[in-house]
């Protein structure tokens, strides 16, 4: 039986996978099987954490807004503030409100006073 020389397709596929895992440590960047396993794991983690990141940032914005609102001594909390915002049809999202709360508290106080009236 004659010797069969394999083509370059599998080698190209493995090289492409190795490029993905070039920054991994140890066998995770050297052995093809573990590279494939770590690639799957990394992609699963990144997909999961994109949703978690959105969740975490929303929690952070809510916490910042709530802290500034309560510090002002206004008679309502975050939920009352947001309820009144929607009643007055002021379309400001939580990200913008949190930036206003951090950078310019007086502006947020003015908004809250306008809502109460």
Foldseek 3Di string as FASTA:
>chain_A
DDDDDDDCVVVVVQVVLLVVQVPPDDVCNPPSVNSVVVVVVVVVVVVVVVVVVVVVVLVVLLVQLQVLVVVVVDPDGSVVQVVLCVVVPPDDDSVVSSVCSVPPSVVVVVVSVVSVD
